Amino acid sequence: MTAPHQRSDVGAGLGAGWEITSTMIGGIAAGGGLGFAVDWLLGTPHAFTAVGFIAGAAGAVYVIWLRYGKGEGGGG
């Protein structure tokens, strides 16, 4: 009787994993796209694209932390 319960736990874990992965990819793509647009408008050689990738990754990590990283331990 525990097998269906274990399957739902695996499914929930897979769902969370895909959500984290897509958030990271989306953040990096959005930040890089915005940086690329700024580079294109200003005519700079991909300086803002690199900054956009980094800012997008940092933003995605922050969103993931808000969603999953706080935990329930009460440690801070």
C-alpha atoms as a PDB file:
ATOM      1  CA  MET A   1       0.000   0.000   0.000  1.00  0.00           C
ATOM      2  CA  THR A   2       2.949   2.360   0.286  1.00  0.00           C
ATOM      3  CA  ALA A   3       3.857   2.173  -3.407  1.00  0.00           C
ATOM      4  CA  PRO A   4       1.283   4.774  -4.609  1.00  0.00           C
ATOM      5  CA  HIS A   5       2.402   7.131  -1.855  1.00  0.00           C
ATOM      6  CA  GLN A   6       6.019   6.801  -2.954  1.00  0.00           C
ATOM      7  CA  ARG A   7       5.087   7.456  -6.562  1.00  0.00           C
ATOM      8  CA  SER A   8       3.342  10.697  -5.649  1.00  0.00           C
ATOM      9  CA  ASP A   9       6.434  11.796  -3.724  1.00  0.00           C
ATOM     10  CA  VAL A  10       8.596  11.067  -6.757  1.00  0.00           C
ATOM     11  CA  GLY A  11       6.164  12.931  -8.989  1.00  0.00           C
ATOM     12  CA  ALA A  12       6.164  15.923  -6.670  1.00  0.00           C
ATOM     13  CA  GLY A  13       9.949  15.914  -6.610  1.00  0.00           C
ATOM     14  CA  LEU A  14      10.137  15.739 -10.382  1.00  0.00           C
ATOM     15  CA  GLY A  15       7.650  18.591 -10.673  1.00  0.00           C
ATOM     16  CA  ALA A  16       9.681  20.742  -8.301  1.00  0.00           C
ATOM     17  CA  GLY A  17      12.860  19.902 -10.173  1.00  0.00           C
ATOM     18  CA  TRP A  18      11.370  20.903 -13.495  1.00  0.00           C
ATOM     19  CA  GLU A  19       9.981  24.093 -11.975  1.00  0.00           C
ATOM     20  CA  ILE A  20      13.409  25.059 -10.627  1.00  0.00           C
ATOM     21  CA  THR A  21      15.078  24.201 -13.934  1.00  0.00           C
ATOM     22  CA  SER A  22      12.598  26.199 -15.997  1.00  0.00           C
ATOM     23  CA  THR A  23      12.847  29.158 -13.612  1.00  0.00           C
ATOM     24  CA  MET A  24      16.637  29.194 -14.002  1.00  0.00           C
ATOM     25  CA  ILE A  25      16.496  28.891 -17.784  1.00  0.00           C
ATOM     26  CA  GLY A  26      13.774  31.527 -18.026  1.00  0.00           C
ATOM     27  CA  GLY A  27      15.619  33.960 -15.772  1.00  0.00           C
ATOM     28  CA  ILE A  28      18.872  33.590 -17.667  1.00  0.00           C
ATOM     29  CA  ALA A  29      17.122  33.892 -21.041  1.00  0.00           C
ATOM     30  CA  ALA A  30      15.094  36.931 -19.985  1.00  0.00           C
ATOM     31  CA  GLY A  31      18.085  38.706 -18.475  1.00  0.00           C
ATOM     32  CA  GLY A  32      20.272  37.908 -21.456  1.00  0.00           C
ATOM     33  CA  GLY A  33      17.552  39.037 -23.854  1.00  0.00           C
ATOM     34  CA  LEU A  34      17.130  42.345 -22.061  1.00  0.00           C
ATOM     35  CA  GLY A  35      20.892  42.835 -22.012  1.00  0.00           C
ATOM     36  CA  PHE A  36      21.087  42.030 -25.702  1.00  0.00           C
ATOM     37  CA  ALA A  37      18.350  44.570 -26.429  1.00  0.00           C
ATOM     38  CA  VAL A  38      20.223  47.246 -24.486  1.00  0.00           C
ATOM     39  CA  ASP A  39      23.438  46.374 -26.355  1.00  0.00           C
ATOM     40  CA  TRP A  40      21.613  46.596 -29.653  1.00  0.00           C
ATOM     41  CA  LEU A  41      20.080  49.964 -28.793  1.00  0.00           C
ATOM     42  CA  LEU A  42      23.340  51.455 -27.516  1.00  0.00           C
ATOM     43  CA  GLY A  43      25.619  49.753 -30.042  1.00  0.00           C
ATOM     44  CA  THR A  44      27.873  48.260 -27.368  1.00  0.00           C
ATOM     45  CA  PRO A  45      29.735  44.983 -27.936  1.00  0.00           C
ATOM     46  CA  HIS A  46      27.744  42.557 -25.735  1.00  0.00           C
ATOM     47  CA  ALA A  47      28.666  44.195 -22.421  1.00  0.00           C
ATOM     48  CA  PHE A  48      25.089  44.387 -21.211  1.00  0.00           C
ATOM     49  CA  THR A  49      24.323  40.897 -22.490  1.00  0.00           C
ATOM     50  CA  ALA A  50      26.826  39.422 -20.040  1.00  0.00           C
ATOM     51  CA  VAL A  51      25.473  41.577 -17.223  1.00  0.00           C
ATOM     52  CA  GLY A  52      21.937  40.530 -18.172  1.00  0.00           C
ATOM     53  CA  PHE A  53      22.822  36.839 -18.012  1.00  0.00           C
ATOM     54  CA  ILE A  54      24.314  37.277 -14.553  1.00  0.00           C
ATOM     55  CA  ALA A  55      21.445  39.438 -13.296  1.00  0.00           C
ATOM     56  CA  GLY A  56      18.894  36.995 -14.731  1.00  0.00           C
ATOM     57  CA  ALA A  57      20.581  34.058 -13.016  1.00  0.00           C
ATOM     58  CA  ALA A  58      20.740  35.960  -9.724  1.00  0.00           C
ATOM     59  CA  GLY A  59      17.088  36.910 -10.016  1.00  0.00           C
ATOM     60  CA  ALA A  60      16.107  33.324 -10.761  1.00  0.00           C
ATOM     61  CA  VAL A  61      18.060  32.053  -7.757  1.00  0.00           C
ATOM     62  CA  TYR A  62      16.280  34.618  -5.588  1.00  0.00           C
ATOM     63  CA  VAL A  63      12.862  33.538  -6.887  1.00  0.00           C
ATOM     64  CA  ILE A  64      13.747  29.890  -6.260  1.00  0.00           C
ATOM     65  CA  TRP A  65      14.914  30.751  -2.756  1.00  0.00           C
ATOM     66  CA  LEU A  66      11.641  32.543  -2.085  1.00  0.00           C
ATOM     67  CA  ARG A  67       9.700  29.513  -3.286  1.00  0.00           C
ATOM     68  CA  TYR A  68      11.749  26.625  -1.859  1.00  0.00           C
ATOM     69  CA  GLY A  69      14.638  27.866   0.238  1.00  0.00           C
ATOM     70  CA  LYS A  70      13.009  29.352   3.302  1.00  0.00           C
ATOM     71  CA  GLY A  71      12.171  25.964   4.733  1.00  0.00           C
ATOM     72  CA  GLU A  72      10.238  25.317   7.888  1.00  0.00           C
ATOM     73  CA  GLY A  73      13.120  24.996  10.335  1.00  0.00           C
ATOM     74  CA  GLY A  74      12.643  28.440  11.861  1.00  0.00           C
ATOM     75  CA  GLY A  75      16.379  29.060  11.711  1.00  0.00           C
ATOM     76  CA  GLY A  76      16.150  32.420  10.059  1.00  0.00           C
END
